[in-house]
Amino acid sequence: MKICVDRCVCFDRSFVDLLSIARRTGAASLEALQEETEFGLACRICNPYVRRMLRTGQTTFDALLSHVDEPPPGPPAKTG
């Protein structure tokens, strides 16, 4: 069974629609896009997908992502 993730399910907002809004408004982060339209505030499962969408332009995903795959922007993790 193939997985296809293409939307915020809780708010029924497609990633195509969200990407269009991001491009039109200049929203470059999840938080900036959430200031423009409502999504990703209930279960938050779509948040790593939206982060990747903003970074790459991809709007359909075959793989399951988590916050580990697409962490929020911030200072680099310390190593060593």
PDB file of N, CA and C in Angstrom:
ATOM      1  N   MET A   1       0.842  -1.183   0.000  1.00  0.00           N
ATOM      2  CA  MET A   1       0.000   0.000   0.000  1.00  0.00           C
ATOM      3  C   MET A   1       0.888   1.247   0.000  1.00  0.00           C
ATOM      4  N   LYS A   2       0.675   2.109  -0.950  1.00  0.00           N
ATOM      5  CA  LYS A   2       1.461   3.323  -1.083  1.00  0.00           C
ATOM      6  C   LYS A   2       0.878   4.436  -0.207  1.00  0.00           C
ATOM      7  N   ILE A   3       1.744   5.120   0.510  1.00  0.00           N
ATOM      8  CA  ILE A   3       1.346   6.242   1.349  1.00  0.00           C
ATOM      9  C   ILE A   3       1.432   7.512   0.514  1.00  0.00           C
ATOM     10  N   CYS A   4       0.429   8.345   0.601  1.00  0.00           N
ATOM     11  CA  CYS A   4       0.468   9.632  -0.084  1.00  0.00           C
ATOM     12  C   CYS A   4      -0.019  10.701   0.893  1.00  0.00           C
ATOM     13  N   VAL A   5       0.884  11.565   1.283  1.00  0.00           N
ATOM     14  CA  VAL A   5       0.550  12.657   2.183  1.00  0.00           C
ATOM     15  C   VAL A   5       0.591  13.932   1.349  1.00  0.00           C
ATOM     16  N   ASP A   6      -0.554  14.618   1.274  1.00  0.00           N
ATOM     17  CA  ASP A   6      -0.607  15.816   0.440  1.00  0.00           C
ATOM     18  C   ASP A   6      -1.380  16.967   1.073  1.00  0.00           C
ATOM     19  N   ARG A   7      -1.643  16.839   2.393  1.00  0.00           N
ATOM     20  CA  ARG A   7      -2.442  17.891   3.013  1.00  0.00           C
ATOM     21  C   ARG A   7      -2.362  17.859   4.533  1.00  0.00           C
ATOM     22  N   CYS A   8      -2.768  18.957   5.131  1.00  0.00           N
ATOM     23  CA  CYS A   8      -3.040  19.011   6.568  1.00  0.00           C
ATOM     24  C   CYS A   8      -4.450  18.451   6.729  1.00  0.00           C
ATOM     25  N   VAL A   9      -4.556  17.307   7.336  1.00  0.00           N
ATOM     26  CA  VAL A   9      -5.845  16.625   7.438  1.00  0.00           C
ATOM     27  C   VAL A   9      -6.786  17.360   8.386  1.00  0.00           C
ATOM     28  N   CYS A  10      -6.281  17.841   9.500  1.00  0.00           N
ATOM     29  CA  CYS A  10      -7.141  18.486  10.505  1.00  0.00           C
ATOM     30  C   CYS A  10      -7.871  19.713   9.955  1.00  0.00           C
ATOM     31  N   PHE A  11      -7.200  20.482   9.096  1.00  0.00           N
ATOM     32  CA  PHE A  11      -7.797  21.693   8.538  1.00  0.00           C
ATOM     33  C   PHE A  11      -8.136  21.545   7.056  1.00  0.00           C
ATOM     34  N   ASP A  12      -7.916  20.342   6.507  1.00  0.00           N
ATOM     35  CA  ASP A  12      -8.182  20.024   5.105  1.00  0.00           C
ATOM     36  C   ASP A  12      -7.582  21.073   4.164  1.00  0.00           C
ATOM     37  N   ARG A  13      -6.286  21.379   4.394  1.00  0.00           N
ATOM     38  CA  ARG A  13      -5.551  22.323   3.557  1.00  0.00           C
ATOM     39  C   ARG A  13      -4.511  21.553   2.768  1.00  0.00           C
ATOM     40  N   SER A  14      -4.621  21.564   1.445  1.00  0.00           N
ATOM     41  CA  SER A  14      -3.646  20.839   0.630  1.00  0.00           C
ATOM     42  C   SER A  14      -2.311  21.566   0.652  1.00  0.00           C
ATOM     43  N   PHE A  15      -1.240  20.806   0.493  1.00  0.00           N
ATOM     44  CA  PHE A  15       0.088  21.412   0.435  1.00  0.00           C
ATOM     45  C   PHE A  15       0.227  22.281  -0.809  1.00  0.00           C
ATOM     46  N   VAL A  16      -0.475  21.935  -1.883  1.00  0.00           N
ATOM     47  CA  VAL A  16      -0.462  22.779  -3.087  1.00  0.00           C
ATOM     48  C   VAL A  16      -1.011  24.158  -2.735  1.00  0.00           C
ATOM     49  N   ASP A  17      -2.115  24.191  -2.008  1.00  0.00           N
ATOM     50  CA  ASP A  17      -2.717  25.455  -1.586  1.00  0.00           C
ATOM     51  C   ASP A  17      -1.783  26.205  -0.638  1.00  0.00           C
ATOM     52  N   LEU A  18      -1.206  25.496   0.312  1.00  0.00           N
ATOM     53  CA  LEU A  18      -0.300  26.137   1.267  1.00  0.00           C
ATOM     54  C   LEU A  18       0.935  26.706   0.580  1.00  0.00           C
ATOM     55  N   LEU A  19       1.468  25.978  -0.389  1.00  0.00           N
ATOM     56  CA  LEU A  19       2.642  26.467  -1.115  1.00  0.00           C
ATOM     57  C   LEU A  19       2.295  27.722  -1.914  1.00  0.00           C
ATOM     58  N   SER A  20       1.118  27.740  -2.509  1.00  0.00           N
ATOM     59  CA  SER A  20       0.673  28.915  -3.248  1.00  0.00           C
ATOM     60  C   SER A  20       0.574  30.127  -2.326  1.00  0.00           C
ATOM     61  N   ILE A  21       0.020  29.938  -1.151  1.00  0.00           N
ATOM     62  CA  ILE A  21      -0.094  31.025  -0.175  1.00  0.00           C
ATOM     63  C   ILE A  21       1.289  31.480   0.267  1.00  0.00           C
ATOM     64  N   ALA A  22       2.189  30.523   0.518  1.00  0.00           N
ATOM     65  CA  ALA A  22       3.547  30.866   0.942  1.00  0.00           C
ATOM     66  C   ALA A  22       4.253  31.691  -0.123  1.00  0.00           C
ATOM     67  N   ARG A  23       4.126  31.306  -1.358  1.00  0.00           N
ATOM     68  CA  ARG A  23       4.786  32.041  -2.452  1.00  0.00           C
ATOM     69  C   ARG A  23       4.174  33.421  -2.638  1.00  0.00           C
ATOM     70  N   ARG A  24       2.865  33.510  -2.521  1.00  0.00           N
ATOM     71  CA  ARG A  24       2.184  34.791  -2.704  1.00  0.00           C
ATOM     72  C   ARG A  24       2.515  35.777  -1.580  1.00  0.00           C
ATOM     73  N   THR A  25       2.647  35.278  -0.357  1.00  0.00           N
ATOM     74  CA  THR A  25       2.859  36.154   0.798  1.00  0.00           C
ATOM     75  C   THR A  25       4.322  36.288   1.195  1.00  0.00           C
ATOM     76  N   GLY A  26       5.171  35.409   0.659  1.00  0.00           N
ATOM     77  CA  GLY A  26       6.583  35.428   1.043  1.00  0.00           C
ATOM     78  C   GLY A  26       6.869  34.700   2.342  1.00  0.00           C
ATOM     79  N   ALA A  27       5.912  33.938   2.840  1.00  0.00           N
ATOM     80  CA  ALA A  27       6.106  33.171   4.076  1.00  0.00           C
ATOM     81  C   ALA A  27       7.136  32.074   3.826  1.00  0.00           C
ATOM     82  N   ALA A  28       8.251  32.131   4.551  1.00  0.00           N
ATOM     83  CA  ALA A  28       9.341  31.185   4.311  1.00  0.00           C
ATOM     84  C   ALA A  28       9.501  30.173   5.434  1.00  0.00           C
ATOM     85  N   SER A  29       8.697  30.273   6.466  1.00  0.00           N
ATOM     86  CA  SER A  29       8.782  29.317   7.579  1.00  0.00           C
ATOM     87  C   SER A  29       7.384  28.848   7.928  1.00  0.00           C
ATOM     88  N   LEU A  30       7.316  27.746   8.638  1.00  0.00           N
ATOM     89  CA  LEU A  30       6.041  27.195   9.092  1.00  0.00           C
ATOM     90  C   LEU A  30       5.280  28.256   9.876  1.00  0.00           C
ATOM     91  N   GLU A  31       5.964  28.919  10.786  1.00  0.00           N
ATOM     92  CA  GLU A  31       5.317  29.908  11.642  1.00  0.00           C
ATOM     93  C   GLU A  31       4.809  31.101  10.829  1.00  0.00           C
ATOM     94  N   ALA A  32       5.593  31.552   9.870  1.00  0.00           N
ATOM     95  CA  ALA A  32       5.162  32.671   9.019  1.00  0.00           C
ATOM     96  C   ALA A  32       3.947  32.281   8.192  1.00  0.00           C
ATOM     97  N   LEU A  33       3.916  31.059   7.700  1.00  0.00           N
ATOM     98  CA  LEU A  33       2.772  30.590   6.918  1.00  0.00           C
ATOM     99  C   LEU A  33       1.538  30.454   7.801  1.00  0.00           C
ATOM    100  N   GLN A  34       1.716  30.034   9.056  1.00  0.00           N
ATOM    101  CA  GLN A  34       0.585  29.926   9.977  1.00  0.00           C
ATOM    102  C   GLN A  34       0.013  31.299  10.321  1.00  0.00           C
ATOM    103  N   GLU A  35       0.788  32.351  10.171  1.00  0.00           N
ATOM    104  CA  GLU A  35       0.257  33.701  10.365  1.00  0.00           C
ATOM    105  C   GLU A  35      -0.647  34.108   9.203  1.00  0.00           C
ATOM    106  N   GLU A  36      -0.471  33.457   8.047  1.00  0.00           N
ATOM    107  CA  GLU A  36      -1.253  33.775   6.851  1.00  0.00           C
ATOM    108  C   GLU A  36      -2.522  32.941   6.723  1.00  0.00           C
ATOM    109  N   THR A  37      -2.487  31.696   7.207  1.00  0.00           N
ATOM    110  CA  THR A  37      -3.628  30.794   7.048  1.00  0.00           C
ATOM    111  C   THR A  37      -3.582  29.724   8.132  1.00  0.00           C
ATOM    112  N   GLU A  38      -4.717  29.115   8.408  1.00  0.00           N
ATOM    113  CA  GLU A  38      -4.809  28.147   9.486  1.00  0.00           C
ATOM    114  C   GLU A  38      -4.516  26.732   9.003  1.00  0.00           C
ATOM    115  N   PHE A  39      -3.552  26.092   9.630  1.00  0.00           N
ATOM    116  CA  PHE A  39      -3.199  24.693   9.376  1.00  0.00           C
ATOM    117  C   PHE A  39      -2.197  24.288  10.450  1.00  0.00           C
ATOM    118  N   GLY A  40      -2.019  22.999  10.632  1.00  0.00           N
ATOM    119  CA  GLY A  40      -0.936  22.470  11.449  1.00  0.00           C
ATOM    120  C   GLY A  40      -0.977  22.803  12.921  1.00  0.00           C
ATOM    121  N   LEU A  41      -2.132  23.156  13.452  1.00  0.00           N
ATOM    122  CA  LEU A  41      -2.216  23.542  14.856  1.00  0.00           C
ATOM    123  C   LEU A  41      -2.921  22.510  15.729  1.00  0.00           C
ATOM    124  N   ALA A  42      -3.502  21.502  15.132  1.00  0.00           N
ATOM    125  CA  ALA A  42      -4.226  20.489  15.907  1.00  0.00           C
ATOM    126  C   ALA A  42      -3.294  19.313  16.210  1.00  0.00           C
ATOM    127  N   CYS A  43      -3.239  18.331  15.337  1.00  0.00           N
ATOM    128  CA  CYS A  43      -2.393  17.156  15.606  1.00  0.00           C
ATOM    129  C   CYS A  43      -0.915  17.421  15.298  1.00  0.00           C
ATOM    130  N   ARG A  44      -0.627  18.398  14.434  1.00  0.00           N
ATOM    131  CA  ARG A  44       0.721  18.831  14.055  1.00  0.00           C
ATOM    132  C   ARG A  44       1.505  17.805  13.218  1.00  0.00           C
ATOM    133  N   ILE A  45       0.848  16.759  12.773  1.00  0.00           N
ATOM    134  CA  ILE A  45       1.535  15.740  11.971  1.00  0.00           C
ATOM    135  C   ILE A  45       2.022  16.316  10.647  1.00  0.00           C
ATOM    136  N   CYS A  46       1.334  17.311  10.111  1.00  0.00           N
ATOM    137  CA  CYS A  46       1.730  17.877   8.820  1.00  0.00           C
ATOM    138  C   CYS A  46       2.939  18.811   8.927  1.00  0.00           C
ATOM    139  N   ASN A  47       3.304  19.247  10.108  1.00  0.00           N
ATOM    140  CA  ASN A  47       4.352  20.258  10.238  1.00  0.00           C
ATOM    141  C   ASN A  47       5.680  19.881   9.580  1.00  0.00           C
ATOM    142  N   PRO A  48       6.207  18.664   9.759  1.00  0.00           N
ATOM    143  CA  PRO A  48       7.457  18.349   9.063  1.00  0.00           C
ATOM    144  C   PRO A  48       7.300  18.333   7.540  1.00  0.00           C
ATOM    145  N   TYR A  49       6.111  17.966   7.056  1.00  0.00           N
ATOM    146  CA  TYR A  49       5.869  17.986   5.612  1.00  0.00           C
ATOM    147  C   TYR A  49       5.848  19.422   5.092  1.00  0.00           C
ATOM    148  N   VAL A  50       5.223  20.310   5.840  1.00  0.00           N
ATOM    149  CA  VAL A  50       5.155  21.704   5.414  1.00  0.00           C
ATOM    150  C   VAL A  50       6.551  22.324   5.445  1.00  0.00           C
ATOM    151  N   ARG A  51       7.355  21.996   6.443  1.00  0.00           N
ATOM    152  CA  ARG A  51       8.732  22.494   6.465  1.00  0.00           C
ATOM    153  C   ARG A  51       9.496  22.047   5.213  1.00  0.00           C
ATOM    154  N   ARG A  52       9.353  20.773   4.867  1.00  0.00           N
ATOM    155  CA  ARG A  52      10.030  20.276   3.665  1.00  0.00           C
ATOM    156  C   ARG A  52       9.432  20.916   2.412  1.00  0.00           C
ATOM    157  N   MET A  53       8.128  21.094   2.393  1.00  0.00           N
ATOM    158  CA  MET A  53       7.482  21.743   1.263  1.00  0.00           C
ATOM    159  C   MET A  53       8.044  23.149   1.058  1.00  0.00           C
ATOM    160  N   LEU A  54       8.189  23.895   2.127  1.00  0.00           N
ATOM    161  CA  LEU A  54       8.727  25.253   2.028  1.00  0.00           C
ATOM    162  C   LEU A  54      10.174  25.246   1.560  1.00  0.00           C
ATOM    163  N   ARG A  55      10.915  24.228   1.959  1.00  0.00           N
ATOM    164  CA  ARG A  55      12.330  24.142   1.594  1.00  0.00           C
ATOM    165  C   ARG A  55      12.524  23.674   0.160  1.00  0.00           C
ATOM    166  N   THR A  56      11.676  22.735  -0.309  1.00  0.00           N
ATOM    167  CA  THR A  56      11.923  22.076  -1.598  1.00  0.00           C
ATOM    168  C   THR A  56      10.871  22.354  -2.669  1.00  0.00           C
ATOM    169  N   GLY A  57       9.675  22.781  -2.287  1.00  0.00           N
ATOM    170  CA  GLY A  57       8.587  22.941  -3.245  1.00  0.00           C
ATOM    171  C   GLY A  57       7.787  21.670  -3.470  1.00  0.00           C
ATOM    172  N   GLN A  58       8.191  20.580  -2.848  1.00  0.00           N
ATOM    173  CA  GLN A  58       7.480  19.304  -2.981  1.00  0.00           C
ATOM    174  C   GLN A  58       6.125  19.416  -2.268  1.00  0.00           C
ATOM    175  N   THR A  59       5.050  18.891  -2.885  1.00  0.00           N
ATOM    176  CA  THR A  59       3.725  18.985  -2.276  1.00  0.00           C
ATOM    177  C   THR A  59       3.046  17.641  -2.069  1.00  0.00           C
ATOM    178  N   THR A  60       3.662  16.567  -2.495  1.00  0.00           N
ATOM    179  CA  THR A  60       3.142  15.217  -2.274  1.00  0.00           C
ATOM    180  C   THR A  60       4.291  14.362  -1.774  1.00  0.00           C
ATOM    181  N   PHE A  61       4.031  13.597  -0.741  1.00  0.00           N
ATOM    182  CA  PHE A  61       5.083  12.819  -0.096  1.00  0.00           C
ATOM    183  C   PHE A  61       4.686  11.357  -0.017  1.00  0.00           C
ATOM    184  N   ASP A  62       5.622  10.478  -0.374  1.00  0.00           N
ATOM    185  CA  ASP A  62       5.407   9.037  -0.303  1.00  0.00           C
ATOM    186  C   ASP A  62       5.930   8.443   0.992  1.00  0.00           C
ATOM    187  N   ALA A  63       6.759   9.183   1.700  1.00  0.00           N
ATOM    188  CA  ALA A  63       7.376   8.674   2.924  1.00  0.00           C
ATOM    189  C   ALA A  63       6.760   9.341   4.145  1.00  0.00           C
ATOM    190  N   LEU A  64       6.757   8.608   5.228  1.00  0.00           N
ATOM    191  CA  LEU A  64       6.321   9.193   6.487  1.00  0.00           C
ATOM    192  C   LEU A  64       7.466  10.015   7.058  1.00  0.00           C
ATOM    193  N   LEU A  65       7.172  11.224   7.462  1.00  0.00           N
ATOM    194  CA  LEU A  65       8.157  12.113   8.067  1.00  0.00           C
ATOM    195  C   LEU A  65       7.762  12.366   9.510  1.00  0.00           C
ATOM    196  N   SER A  66       8.739  12.753  10.301  1.00  0.00           N
ATOM    197  CA  SER A  66       8.469  13.160  11.673  1.00  0.00           C
ATOM    198  C   SER A  66       9.278  14.400  11.977  1.00  0.00           C
ATOM    199  N   HIS A  67       9.111  14.931  13.175  1.00  0.00           N
ATOM    200  CA  HIS A  67       9.868  16.118  13.552  1.00  0.00           C
ATOM    201  C   HIS A  67      11.372  15.870  13.509  1.00  0.00           C
ATOM    202  N   VAL A  68      11.796  14.636  13.630  1.00  0.00           N
ATOM    203  CA  VAL A  68      13.224  14.304  13.557  1.00  0.00           C
ATOM    204  C   VAL A  68      13.743  14.500  12.131  1.00  0.00           C
ATOM    205  N   ASP A  69      12.904  14.198  11.140  1.00  0.00           N
ATOM    206  CA  ASP A  69      13.288  14.362   9.734  1.00  0.00           C
ATOM    207  C   ASP A  69      13.386  15.821   9.325  1.00  0.00           C
ATOM    208  N   GLU A  70      12.520  16.657   9.841  1.00  0.00           N
ATOM    209  CA  GLU A  70      12.469  18.064   9.481  1.00  0.00           C
ATOM    210  C   GLU A  70      12.316  18.890  10.751  1.00  0.00           C
ATOM    211  N   PRO A  71      13.372  18.997  11.539  1.00  0.00           N
ATOM    212  CA  PRO A  71      13.261  19.768  12.780  1.00  0.00           C
ATOM    213  C   PRO A  71      13.059  21.245  12.487  1.00  0.00           C
ATOM    214  N   PRO A  72      12.503  21.984  13.433  1.00  0.00           N
ATOM    215  CA  PRO A  72      12.334  23.417  13.229  1.00  0.00           C
ATOM    216  C   PRO A  72      13.703  24.086  13.057  1.00  0.00           C
ATOM    217  N   PRO A  73      13.757  25.175  12.328  1.00  0.00           N
ATOM    218  CA  PRO A  73      15.035  25.860  12.160  1.00  0.00           C
ATOM    219  C   PRO A  73      15.525  26.377  13.502  1.00  0.00           C
ATOM    220  N   GLY A  74      16.782  26.425  13.648  1.00  0.00           N
ATOM    221  CA  GLY A  74      17.377  26.914  14.889  1.00  0.00           C
ATOM    222  C   GLY A  74      18.866  26.707  14.839  1.00  0.00           C
ATOM    223  N   PRO A  75      19.499  26.919  15.980  1.00  0.00           N
ATOM    224  CA  PRO A  75      20.963  26.715  16.001  1.00  0.00           C
ATOM    225  C   PRO A  75      21.307  25.270  15.736  1.00  0.00           C
ATOM    226  N   PRO A  76      22.440  24.995  15.086  1.00  0.00           N
ATOM    227  CA  PRO A  76      22.841  23.621  14.816  1.00  0.00           C
ATOM    228  C   PRO A  76      23.032  22.846  16.119  1.00  0.00           C
ATOM    229  N   ALA A  77      22.722  21.573  16.053  1.00  0.00           N
ATOM    230  CA  ALA A  77      22.916  20.714  17.222  1.00  0.00           C
ATOM    231  C   ALA A  77      24.394  20.580  17.519  1.00  0.00           C
ATOM    232  N   LYS A  78      24.703  20.548  18.789  1.00  0.00           N
ATOM    233  CA  LYS A  78      26.100  20.365  19.192  1.00  0.00           C
ATOM    234  C   LYS A  78      26.484  18.900  19.025  1.00  0.00           C
ATOM    235  N   THR A  79      27.686  18.657  18.557  1.00  0.00           N
ATOM    236  CA  THR A  79      28.178  17.292  18.393  1.00  0.00           C
ATOM    237  C   THR A  79      29.397  17.112  19.256  1.00  0.00           C
ATOM    238  N   GLY A  80      29.669  15.865  19.583  1.00  0.00           N
ATOM    239  CA  GLY A  80      30.912  15.562  20.265  1.00  0.00           C
ATOM    240  C   GLY A  80      30.734  15.296  21.653  1.00  0.00           C
TER     241      GLY A  80
END
